[in-house]
């Protein structure tokens, strides 16, 4: 298995009940999976946590956990949220 950082990261939203996890990262493939049943803030935290695993594969789980929680807290306090659009909707224009 490669410890190299991926050029692209693919995020898959799927139920992870069998894995008994909120999220998981596949180092070497650039794959992150997140359980969509989580609340909005926890989804953000788990996504950051798993991408941190890909970006810094040498970090311990405790370091990754602290990093994910800190970045999530800052982004959430700055009102970063996931916006879900209807299938054929156009995104809002930001000027």
PDB file of N, CA and C in Angstrom:
ATOM      1  N   UNK A   1       0.843  -1.171   0.000  1.00  0.00           N
ATOM      2  CA  UNK A   1       0.000   0.000   0.000  1.00  0.00           C
ATOM      3  C   UNK A   1       0.892   1.238   0.000  1.00  0.00           C
ATOM      4  N   UNK A   2       0.554   2.190  -0.841  1.00  0.00           N
ATOM      5  CA  UNK A   2       1.335   3.410  -0.979  1.00  0.00           C
ATOM      6  C   UNK A   2       0.996   4.403   0.132  1.00  0.00           C
ATOM      7  N   UNK A   3       2.029   5.094   0.636  1.00  0.00           N
ATOM      8  CA  UNK A   3       1.828   6.139   1.658  1.00  0.00           C
ATOM      9  C   UNK A   3       1.849   7.517   1.004  1.00  0.00           C
ATOM     10  N   UNK A   4       1.811   7.565  -0.329  1.00  0.00           N
ATOM     11  CA  UNK A   4       1.879   8.793  -1.085  1.00  0.00           C
ATOM     12  C   UNK A   4       0.543   9.529  -1.026  1.00  0.00           C
ATOM     13  N   UNK A   5       0.592  10.848  -0.947  1.00  0.00           N
ATOM     14  CA  UNK A   5      -0.628  11.650  -0.953  1.00  0.00           C
ATOM     15  C   UNK A   5      -1.276  11.569  -2.328  1.00  0.00           C
ATOM     16  N   UNK A   6      -2.596  11.414  -2.372  1.00  0.00           N
ATOM     17  CA  UNK A   6      -3.275  11.330  -3.671  1.00  0.00           C
ATOM     18  C   UNK A   6      -3.383  12.706  -4.329  1.00  0.00           C
ATOM     19  N   UNK A   7      -3.397  12.719  -5.662  1.00  0.00           N
ATOM     20  CA  UNK A   7      -3.584  13.963  -6.398  1.00  0.00           C
ATOM     21  C   UNK A   7      -5.037  14.415  -6.327  1.00  0.00           C
ATOM     22  N   UNK A   8      -5.937  13.436  -6.331  1.00  0.00           N
ATOM     23  CA  UNK A   8      -7.370  13.729  -6.251  1.00  0.00           C
ATOM     24  C   UNK A   8      -7.971  12.888  -5.137  1.00  0.00           C
ATOM     25  N   UNK A   9      -9.008  13.420  -4.529  1.00  0.00           N
ATOM     26  CA  UNK A   9      -9.713  12.702  -3.471  1.00  0.00           C
ATOM     27  C   UNK A   9     -11.148  12.494  -3.939  1.00  0.00           C
ATOM     28  N   UNK A  10     -11.594  11.252  -3.878  1.00  0.00           N
ATOM     29  CA  UNK A  10     -12.980  10.928  -4.216  1.00  0.00           C
ATOM     30  C   UNK A  10     -13.735  10.718  -2.910  1.00  0.00           C
ATOM     31  N   UNK A  11     -14.855  11.427  -2.763  1.00  0.00           N
ATOM     32  CA  UNK A  11     -15.674  11.305  -1.559  1.00  0.00           C
ATOM     33  C   UNK A  11     -16.944  10.542  -1.920  1.00  0.00           C
ATOM     34  N   UNK A  12     -17.198   9.482  -1.184  1.00  0.00           N
ATOM     35  CA  UNK A  12     -18.391   8.653  -1.388  1.00  0.00           C
ATOM     36  C   UNK A  12     -19.239   8.722  -0.118  1.00  0.00           C
ATOM     37  N   UNK A  13     -20.512   9.008  -0.283  1.00  0.00           N
ATOM     38  CA  UNK A  13     -21.442   9.068   0.838  1.00  0.00           C
ATOM     39  C   UNK A  13     -22.225   7.765   0.829  1.00  0.00           C
ATOM     40  N   UNK A  14     -21.987   6.901   1.825  1.00  0.00           N
ATOM     41  CA  UNK A  14     -22.711   5.636   1.912  1.00  0.00           C
ATOM     42  C   UNK A  14     -22.835   5.214   3.377  1.00  0.00           C
ATOM     43  N   UNK A  15     -23.864   4.414   3.641  1.00  0.00           N
ATOM     44  CA  UNK A  15     -24.080   3.939   4.999  1.00  0.00           C
ATOM     45  C   UNK A  15     -22.936   3.005   5.390  1.00  0.00           C
ATOM     46  N   UNK A  16     -22.353   3.249   6.556  1.00  0.00           N
ATOM     47  CA  UNK A  16     -21.205   2.466   7.016  1.00  0.00           C
ATOM     48  C   UNK A  16     -21.559   1.650   8.262  1.00  0.00           C
ATOM     49  N   UNK A  17     -22.765   1.116   8.290  1.00  0.00           N
ATOM     50  CA  UNK A  17     -23.212   0.339   9.440  1.00  0.00           C
ATOM     51  C   UNK A  17     -22.394  -0.920   9.662  1.00  0.00           C
ATOM     52  N   UNK A  18     -22.105  -1.668   8.590  1.00  0.00           N
ATOM     53  CA  UNK A  18     -21.329  -2.902   8.720  1.00  0.00           C
ATOM     54  C   UNK A  18     -19.915  -2.619   9.213  1.00  0.00           C
ATOM     55  N   UNK A  19     -19.363  -1.490   8.791  1.00  0.00           N
ATOM     56  CA  UNK A  19     -18.001  -1.120   9.182  1.00  0.00           C
ATOM     57  C   UNK A  19     -17.945  -0.562  10.596  1.00  0.00           C
ATOM     58  N   UNK A  20     -19.126  -0.237  11.159  1.00  0.00           N
ATOM     59  CA  UNK A  20     -19.219   0.368  12.483  1.00  0.00           C
ATOM     60  C   UNK A  20     -18.327   1.609  12.576  1.00  0.00           C
ATOM     61  N   UNK A  21     -18.464   2.483  11.573  1.00  0.00           N
ATOM     62  CA  UNK A  21     -17.648   3.696  11.500  1.00  0.00           C
ATOM     63  C   UNK A  21     -18.498   4.841  10.966  1.00  0.00           C
ATOM     64  N   UNK A  22     -18.089   6.053  11.284  1.00  0.00           N
ATOM     65  CA  UNK A  22     -18.729   7.237  10.713  1.00  0.00           C
ATOM     66  C   UNK A  22     -18.100   7.580   9.376  1.00  0.00           C
ATOM     67  N   UNK A  23     -16.824   7.213   9.223  1.00  0.00           N
ATOM     68  CA  UNK A  23     -16.116   7.484   7.985  1.00  0.00           C
ATOM     69  C   UNK A  23     -14.881   6.628   7.900  1.00  0.00           C
ATOM     70  N   UNK A  24     -14.335   6.534   6.693  1.00  0.00           N
ATOM     71  CA  UNK A  24     -13.080   5.801   6.528  1.00  0.00           C
ATOM     72  C   UNK A  24     -12.346   6.336   5.312  1.00  0.00           C
ATOM     73  N   UNK A  25     -11.022   6.258   5.387  1.00  0.00           N
ATOM     74  CA  UNK A  25     -10.164   6.718   4.298  1.00  0.00           C
ATOM     75  C   UNK A  25      -9.334   5.550   3.811  1.00  0.00           C
ATOM     76  N   UNK A  26      -9.194   5.436   2.500  1.00  0.00           N
ATOM     77  CA  UNK A  26      -8.350   4.411   1.907  1.00  0.00           C
ATOM     78  C   UNK A  26      -7.107   5.105   1.379  1.00  0.00           C
ATOM     79  N   UNK A  27      -6.035   5.008   2.160  1.00  0.00           N
ATOM     80  CA  UNK A  27      -4.776   5.657   1.802  1.00  0.00           C
ATOM     81  C   UNK A  27      -4.201   4.930   0.596  1.00  0.00           C
ATOM     82  N   UNK A  28      -3.701   5.684  -0.355  1.00  0.00           N
ATOM     83  CA  UNK A  28      -3.147   5.115  -1.574  1.00  0.00           C
ATOM     84  C   UNK A  28      -4.129   5.176  -2.728  1.00  0.00           C
ATOM     85  N   UNK A  29      -5.422   5.172  -2.415  1.00  0.00           N
ATOM     86  CA  UNK A  29      -6.452   5.262  -3.455  1.00  0.00           C
ATOM     87  C   UNK A  29      -7.112   6.627  -3.486  1.00  0.00           C
ATOM     88  N   UNK A  30      -6.899   7.421  -2.445  1.00  0.00           N
ATOM     89  CA  UNK A  30      -7.521   8.738  -2.393  1.00  0.00           C
ATOM     90  C   UNK A  30      -9.027   8.652  -2.239  1.00  0.00           C
ATOM     91  N   UNK A  31      -9.492   7.660  -1.485  1.00  0.00           N
ATOM     92  CA  UNK A  31     -10.923   7.445  -1.305  1.00  0.00           C
ATOM     93  C   UNK A  31     -11.328   7.751   0.129  1.00  0.00           C
ATOM     94  N   UNK A  32     -12.377   8.556   0.267  1.00  0.00           N
ATOM     95  CA  UNK A  32     -12.948   8.866   1.576  1.00  0.00           C
ATOM     96  C   UNK A  32     -14.417   8.475   1.520  1.00  0.00           C
ATOM     97  N   UNK A  33     -14.872   7.754   2.551  1.00  0.00           N
ATOM     98  CA  UNK A  33     -16.274   7.379   2.652  1.00  0.00           C
ATOM     99  C   UNK A  33     -16.835   7.965   3.946  1.00  0.00           C
ATOM    100  N   UNK A  34     -18.030   8.562   3.846  1.00  0.00           N
ATOM    101  CA  UNK A  34     -18.669   9.192   4.997  1.00  0.00           C
ATOM    102  C   UNK A  34     -20.117   8.714   5.047  1.00  0.00           C
ATOM    103  N   UNK A  35     -20.579   8.417   6.250  1.00  0.00           N
ATOM    104  CA  UNK A  35     -21.959   7.968   6.438  1.00  0.00           C
ATOM    105  C   UNK A  35     -22.890   9.176   6.339  1.00  0.00           C
ATOM    106  N   UNK A  36     -23.837   9.166   5.399  1.00  0.00           N
ATOM    107  CA  UNK A  36     -24.726  10.325   5.206  1.00  0.00           C
ATOM    108  C   UNK A  36     -25.775  10.479   6.296  1.00  0.00           C
ATOM    109  N   UNK A  37     -25.912   9.508   7.181  1.00  0.00           N
ATOM    110  CA  UNK A  37     -26.910   9.586   8.244  1.00  0.00           C
ATOM    111  C   UNK A  37     -26.470  10.484   9.395  1.00  0.00           C
ATOM    112  N   UNK A  38     -25.234  10.934   9.378  1.00  0.00           N
ATOM    113  CA  UNK A  38     -24.732  11.822  10.433  1.00  0.00           C
ATOM    114  C   UNK A  38     -25.361  13.198  10.298  1.00  0.00           C
ATOM    115  N   UNK A  39     -25.346  13.937  11.384  1.00  0.00           N
ATOM    116  CA  UNK A  39     -25.799  15.321  11.342  1.00  0.00           C
ATOM    117  C   UNK A  39     -24.815  16.166  10.535  1.00  0.00           C
ATOM    118  N   UNK A  40     -25.242  17.357  10.168  1.00  0.00           N
ATOM    119  CA  UNK A  40     -24.452  18.218   9.290  1.00  0.00           C
ATOM    120  C   UNK A  40     -23.066  18.537   9.861  1.00  0.00           C
ATOM    121  N   UNK A  41     -23.011  18.913  11.131  1.00  0.00           N
ATOM    122  CA  UNK A  41     -21.719  19.280  11.722  1.00  0.00           C
ATOM    123  C   UNK A  41     -20.816  18.059  11.841  1.00  0.00           C
ATOM    124  N   UNK A  42     -21.368  16.908  12.216  1.00  0.00           N
ATOM    125  CA  UNK A  42     -20.570  15.688  12.339  1.00  0.00           C
ATOM    126  C   UNK A  42     -20.079  15.234  10.962  1.00  0.00           C
ATOM    127  N   UNK A  43     -20.880  15.419   9.913  1.00  0.00           N
ATOM    128  CA  UNK A  43     -20.431  15.094   8.556  1.00  0.00           C
ATOM    129  C   UNK A  43     -19.194  15.916   8.194  1.00  0.00           C
ATOM    130  N   UNK A  44     -19.250  17.200   8.502  1.00  0.00           N
ATOM    131  CA  UNK A  44     -18.113  18.074   8.217  1.00  0.00           C
ATOM    132  C   UNK A  44     -16.887  17.618   8.991  1.00  0.00           C
ATOM    133  N   UNK A  45     -17.061  17.324  10.271  1.00  0.00           N
ATOM    134  CA  UNK A  45     -15.938  16.885  11.107  1.00  0.00           C
ATOM    135  C   UNK A  45     -15.328  15.578  10.593  1.00  0.00           C
ATOM    136  N   UNK A  46     -16.175  14.625  10.241  1.00  0.00           N
ATOM    137  CA  UNK A  46     -15.686  13.327   9.760  1.00  0.00           C
ATOM    138  C   UNK A  46     -14.997  13.481   8.406  1.00  0.00           C
ATOM    139  N   UNK A  47     -15.554  14.303   7.530  1.00  0.00           N
ATOM    140  CA  UNK A  47     -14.925  14.534   6.228  1.00  0.00           C
ATOM    141  C   UNK A  47     -13.529  15.128   6.402  1.00  0.00           C
ATOM    142  N   UNK A  48     -13.400  16.128   7.253  1.00  0.00           N
ATOM    143  CA  UNK A  48     -12.093  16.736   7.523  1.00  0.00           C
ATOM    144  C   UNK A  48     -11.154  15.701   8.130  1.00  0.00           C
ATOM    145  N   UNK A  49     -11.646  14.926   9.062  1.00  0.00           N
ATOM    146  CA  UNK A  49     -10.846  13.891   9.732  1.00  0.00           C
ATOM    147  C   UNK A  49     -10.285  12.898   8.714  1.00  0.00           C
ATOM    148  N   UNK A  50     -11.137  12.398   7.836  1.00  0.00           N
ATOM    149  CA  UNK A  50     -10.695  11.377   6.877  1.00  0.00           C
ATOM    150  C   UNK A  50      -9.744  11.954   5.823  1.00  0.00           C
ATOM    151  N   UNK A  51      -9.991  13.171   5.383  1.00  0.00           N
ATOM    152  CA  UNK A  51      -9.075  13.799   4.417  1.00  0.00           C
ATOM    153  C   UNK A  51      -7.723  14.071   5.070  1.00  0.00           C
ATOM    154  N   UNK A  52      -7.723  14.381   6.366  1.00  0.00           N
ATOM    155  CA  UNK A  52      -6.467  14.564   7.089  1.00  0.00           C
ATOM    156  C   UNK A  52      -5.659  13.268   7.100  1.00  0.00           C
ATOM    157  N   UNK A  53      -6.339  12.138   7.228  1.00  0.00           N
ATOM    158  CA  UNK A  53      -5.637  10.848   7.130  1.00  0.00           C
ATOM    159  C   UNK A  53      -4.926  10.719   5.789  1.00  0.00           C
ATOM    160  N   UNK A  54      -5.584  11.147   4.705  1.00  0.00           N
ATOM    161  CA  UNK A  54      -4.974  11.050   3.379  1.00  0.00           C
ATOM    162  C   UNK A  54      -3.813  12.030   3.225  1.00  0.00           C
ATOM    163  N   UNK A  55      -3.993  13.239   3.732  1.00  0.00           N
ATOM    164  CA  UNK A  55      -2.975  14.277   3.574  1.00  0.00           C
ATOM    165  C   UNK A  55      -1.743  14.027   4.434  1.00  0.00           C
ATOM    166  N   UNK A  56      -1.950  13.433   5.613  1.00  0.00           N
ATOM    167  CA  UNK A  56      -0.859  13.207   6.560  1.00  0.00           C
ATOM    168  C   UNK A  56      -0.925  11.775   7.102  1.00  0.00           C
ATOM    169  N   UNK A  57      -0.566  10.793   6.285  1.00  0.00           N
ATOM    170  CA  UNK A  57      -0.713   9.397   6.715  1.00  0.00           C
ATOM    171  C   UNK A  57       0.125   9.021   7.931  1.00  0.00           C
ATOM    172  N   UNK A  58       1.135   9.795   8.271  1.00  0.00           N
ATOM    173  CA  UNK A  58       1.987   9.480   9.415  1.00  0.00           C
ATOM    174  C   UNK A  58       1.457   9.968  10.752  1.00  0.00           C
ATOM    175  N   UNK A  59       0.388  10.763  10.726  1.00  0.00           N
ATOM    176  CA  UNK A  59      -0.157  11.296  11.978  1.00  0.00           C
ATOM    177  C   UNK A  59      -0.852  10.195  12.763  1.00  0.00           C
ATOM    178  N   UNK A  60      -0.802  10.319  14.078  1.00  0.00           N
ATOM    179  CA  UNK A  60      -1.510   9.357  14.926  1.00  0.00           C
ATOM    180  C   UNK A  60      -3.008   9.649  14.867  1.00  0.00           C
ATOM    181  N   UNK A  61      -3.813   8.685  15.291  1.00  0.00           N
ATOM    182  CA  UNK A  61      -5.265   8.873  15.303  1.00  0.00           C
ATOM    183  C   UNK A  61      -5.656  10.031  16.217  1.00  0.00           C
ATOM    184  N   UNK A  62      -4.984  10.173  17.335  1.00  0.00           N
ATOM    185  CA  UNK A  62      -5.290  11.270  18.265  1.00  0.00           C
ATOM    186  C   UNK A  62      -4.995  12.628  17.623  1.00  0.00           C
ATOM    187  N   UNK A  63      -3.885  12.736  16.895  1.00  0.00           N
ATOM    188  CA  UNK A  63      -3.536  13.987  16.221  1.00  0.00           C
ATOM    189  C   UNK A  63      -4.555  14.314  15.135  1.00  0.00           C
ATOM    190  N   UNK A  64      -4.940  13.302  14.363  1.00  0.00           N
ATOM    191  CA  UNK A  64      -5.929  13.500  13.305  1.00  0.00           C
ATOM    192  C   UNK A  64      -7.263  13.912  13.918  1.00  0.00           C
ATOM    193  N   UNK A  65      -7.646  13.292  15.008  1.00  0.00           N
ATOM    194  CA  UNK A  65      -8.907  13.604  15.673  1.00  0.00           C
ATOM    195  C   UNK A  65      -8.925  15.051  16.164  1.00  0.00           C
ATOM    196  N   UNK A  66      -7.858  15.479  16.821  1.00  0.00           N
ATOM    197  CA  UNK A  66      -7.768  16.870  17.301  1.00  0.00           C
ATOM    198  C   UNK A  66      -7.814  17.854  16.131  1.00  0.00           C
ATOM    199  N   UNK A  67      -7.087  17.552  15.070  1.00  0.00           N
ATOM    200  CA  UNK A  67      -7.048  18.428  13.899  1.00  0.00           C
ATOM    201  C   UNK A  67      -8.427  18.553  13.268  1.00  0.00           C
ATOM    202  N   UNK A  68      -9.102  17.416  13.071  1.00  0.00           N
ATOM    203  CA  UNK A  68     -10.430  17.427  12.470  1.00  0.00           C
ATOM    204  C   UNK A  68     -11.422  18.232  13.282  1.00  0.00           C
ATOM    205  N   UNK A  69     -11.384  18.065  14.594  1.00  0.00           N
ATOM    206  CA  UNK A  69     -12.315  18.788  15.463  1.00  0.00           C
ATOM    207  C   UNK A  69     -12.030  20.288  15.463  1.00  0.00           C
ATOM    208  N   UNK A  70     -10.743  20.655  15.472  1.00  0.00           N
ATOM    209  CA  UNK A  70     -10.384  22.067  15.490  1.00  0.00           C
ATOM    210  C   UNK A  70     -10.800  22.763  14.186  1.00  0.00           C
ATOM    211  N   UNK A  71     -10.463  22.150  13.046  1.00  0.00           N
ATOM    212  CA  UNK A  71     -10.813  22.755  11.754  1.00  0.00           C
ATOM    213  C   UNK A  71     -12.327  22.829  11.605  1.00  0.00           C
ATOM    214  N   UNK A  72     -13.031  21.778  12.005  1.00  0.00           N
ATOM    215  CA  UNK A  72     -14.490  21.771  11.924  1.00  0.00           C
ATOM    216  C   UNK A  72     -15.081  22.901  12.769  1.00  0.00           C
ATOM    217  N   UNK A  73     -14.569  23.068  13.968  1.00  0.00           N
ATOM    218  CA  UNK A  73     -15.083  24.112  14.861  1.00  0.00           C
ATOM    219  C   UNK A  73     -14.912  25.494  14.236  1.00  0.00           C
ATOM    220  N   UNK A  74     -13.756  25.747  13.636  1.00  0.00           N
ATOM    221  CA  UNK A  74     -13.507  27.048  13.009  1.00  0.00           C
ATOM    222  C   UNK A  74     -14.425  27.253  11.803  1.00  0.00           C
ATOM    223  N   UNK A  75     -14.496  26.243  10.914  1.00  0.00           N
ATOM    224  CA  UNK A  75     -15.345  26.382   9.729  1.00  0.00           C
ATOM    225  C   UNK A  75     -16.812  26.541  10.106  1.00  0.00           C
ATOM    226  N   UNK A  76     -17.276  25.770  11.089  1.00  0.00           N
ATOM    227  CA  UNK A  76     -18.674  25.853  11.505  1.00  0.00           C
ATOM    228  C   UNK A  76     -18.977  27.224  12.095  1.00  0.00           C
ATOM    229  N   UNK A  77     -18.048  27.765  12.894  1.00  0.00           N
ATOM    230  CA  UNK A  77     -18.270  29.088  13.488  1.00  0.00           C
ATOM    231  C   UNK A  77     -18.265  30.188  12.431  1.00  0.00           C
ATOM    232  N   UNK A  78     -17.634  29.912  11.286  1.00  0.00           N
ATOM    233  CA  UNK A  78     -17.630  30.860  10.168  1.00  0.00           C
ATOM    234  C   UNK A  78     -18.788  30.596   9.195  1.00  0.00           C
ATOM    235  N   UNK A  79     -19.738  29.769   9.640  1.00  0.00           N
ATOM    236  CA  UNK A  79     -20.974  29.466   8.910  1.00  0.00           C
ATOM    237  C   UNK A  79     -20.779  28.687   7.606  1.00  0.00           C
ATOM    238  N   UNK A  80     -19.752  27.859   7.534  1.00  0.00           N
ATOM    239  CA  UNK A  80     -19.616  26.975   6.381  1.00  0.00           C
ATOM    240  C   UNK A  80     -20.595  25.828   6.551  1.00  0.00           C
ATOM    241  N   UNK A  81     -21.414  25.608   5.520  1.00  0.00           N
ATOM    242  CA  UNK A  81     -22.420  24.568   5.544  1.00  0.00           C
ATOM    243  C   UNK A  81     -22.479  23.900   4.177  1.00  0.00           C
ATOM    244  N   UNK A  82     -22.990  22.693   4.170  1.00  0.00           N
ATOM    245  CA  UNK A  82     -23.209  21.976   2.918  1.00  0.00           C
ATOM    246  C   UNK A  82     -24.570  22.399   2.383  1.00  0.00           C
ATOM    247  N   UNK A  83     -24.615  22.781   1.111  1.00  0.00           N
ATOM    248  CA  UNK A  83     -25.864  23.198   0.487  1.00  0.00           C
ATOM    249  C   UNK A  83     -26.270  22.118  -0.500  1.00  0.00           C
ATOM    250  N   UNK A  84     -27.462  21.567  -0.308  1.00  0.00           N
ATOM    251  CA  UNK A  84     -27.975  20.546  -1.209  1.00  0.00           C
ATOM    252  C   UNK A  84     -28.941  21.197  -2.191  1.00  0.00           C
ATOM    253  N   UNK A  85     -28.693  20.962  -3.469  1.00  0.00           N
ATOM    254  CA  UNK A  85     -29.542  21.534  -4.506  1.00  0.00           C
ATOM    255  C   UNK A  85     -30.400  20.448  -5.133  1.00  0.00           C
ATOM    256  N   UNK A  86     -31.507  20.853  -5.714  1.00  0.00           N
ATOM    257  CA  UNK A  86     -32.337  19.917  -6.470  1.00  0.00           C
ATOM    258  C   UNK A  86     -31.506  19.407  -7.657  1.00  0.00           C
ATOM    259  N   UNK A  87     -31.830  18.227  -8.189  1.00  0.00           N
ATOM    260  CA  UNK A  87     -31.012  17.613  -9.239  1.00  0.00           C
ATOM    261  C   UNK A  87     -30.679  18.522 -10.425  1.00  0.00           C
ATOM    262  N   UNK A  88     -31.629  19.306 -10.911  1.00  0.00           N
ATOM    263  CA  UNK A  88     -31.372  20.149 -12.083  1.00  0.00           C
ATOM    264  C   UNK A  88     -31.309  21.635 -11.751  1.00  0.00           C
ATOM    265  N   UNK A  89     -31.153  21.953 -10.487  1.00  0.00           N
ATOM    266  CA  UNK A  89     -31.113  23.357 -10.073  1.00  0.00           C
ATOM    267  C   UNK A  89     -29.754  23.971 -10.390  1.00  0.00           C
ATOM    268  N   UNK A  90     -29.772  25.253 -10.658  1.00  0.00           N
ATOM    269  CA  UNK A  90     -28.520  25.978 -10.876  1.00  0.00           C
ATOM    270  C   UNK A  90     -28.075  26.571  -9.546  1.00  0.00           C
ATOM    271  N   UNK A  91     -26.782  26.517  -9.253  1.00  0.00           N
ATOM    272  CA  UNK A  91     -26.322  27.109  -7.988  1.00  0.00           C
ATOM    273  C   UNK A  91     -26.554  28.604  -7.946  1.00  0.00           C
ATOM    274  N   UNK A  92     -26.734  29.171  -6.756  1.00  0.00           N
ATOM    275  CA  UNK A  92     -26.949  30.614  -6.667  1.00  0.00           C
ATOM    276  C   UNK A  92     -25.725  31.375  -7.150  1.00  0.00           C
ATOM    277  N   UNK A  93     -25.961  32.516  -7.719  1.00  0.00           N
ATOM    278  CA  UNK A  93     -24.876  33.352  -8.222  1.00  0.00           C
ATOM    279  C   UNK A  93     -24.316  34.172  -7.069  1.00  0.00           C
ATOM    280  N   UNK A  94     -23.017  34.092  -6.890  1.00  0.00           N
ATOM    281  CA  UNK A  94     -22.372  34.832  -5.794  1.00  0.00           C
ATOM    282  C   UNK A  94     -21.547  35.947  -6.409  1.00  0.00           C
ATOM    283  N   UNK A  95     -21.841  37.162  -6.018  1.00  0.00           N
ATOM    284  CA  UNK A  95     -21.105  38.295  -6.612  1.00  0.00           C
ATOM    285  C   UNK A  95     -20.166  38.918  -5.622  1.00  0.00           C
TER     286      UNK A  95
END
